[in-house]
Amino acid sequence: NNLECRNESDVTSIGIIFFALLALIFLLVDILNGLKLVWGTSKYGFSKESFQMFVGGCSLFSITGLALYATVVYNIATSRSNVDMIFNTVILFFVNDLDEKLFTSLRMICP
């Protein structure tokens, strides 16, 4: 029992680079789509459509930012090696992507 914490992680800069690349690949589309929705609200002025686009864009951007934050915090807290970091990242983004796959499946069943 010590008051000092020890960092026993063997994560190197290579693991962090791969983590950043995976995060960029998985989340860049949602970040850009959210920003495009917010940016596109200016086309409609003050209308119901612009409000819906603004709320949708902010929601998509916020959810994507929260997914990125949760992945970073989880990986920093639990990864002890480069392989752990990459494995955890892939699993977390796969779970994050399941809702989109479920929604696409439901749209195919009931258009």
Foldseek 3Di string as FASTA:
>chain_A
DDPDDDQQAPEDVVLVVLLVVLLCVLQVVLLVQLVVLLVVLVVVPPDPSSVVSPVVSVVSNVVSVVLVVVLVVVLVVDHRYSVSNNVSSVVSSVVVCVVVVVVVVVVVVPD
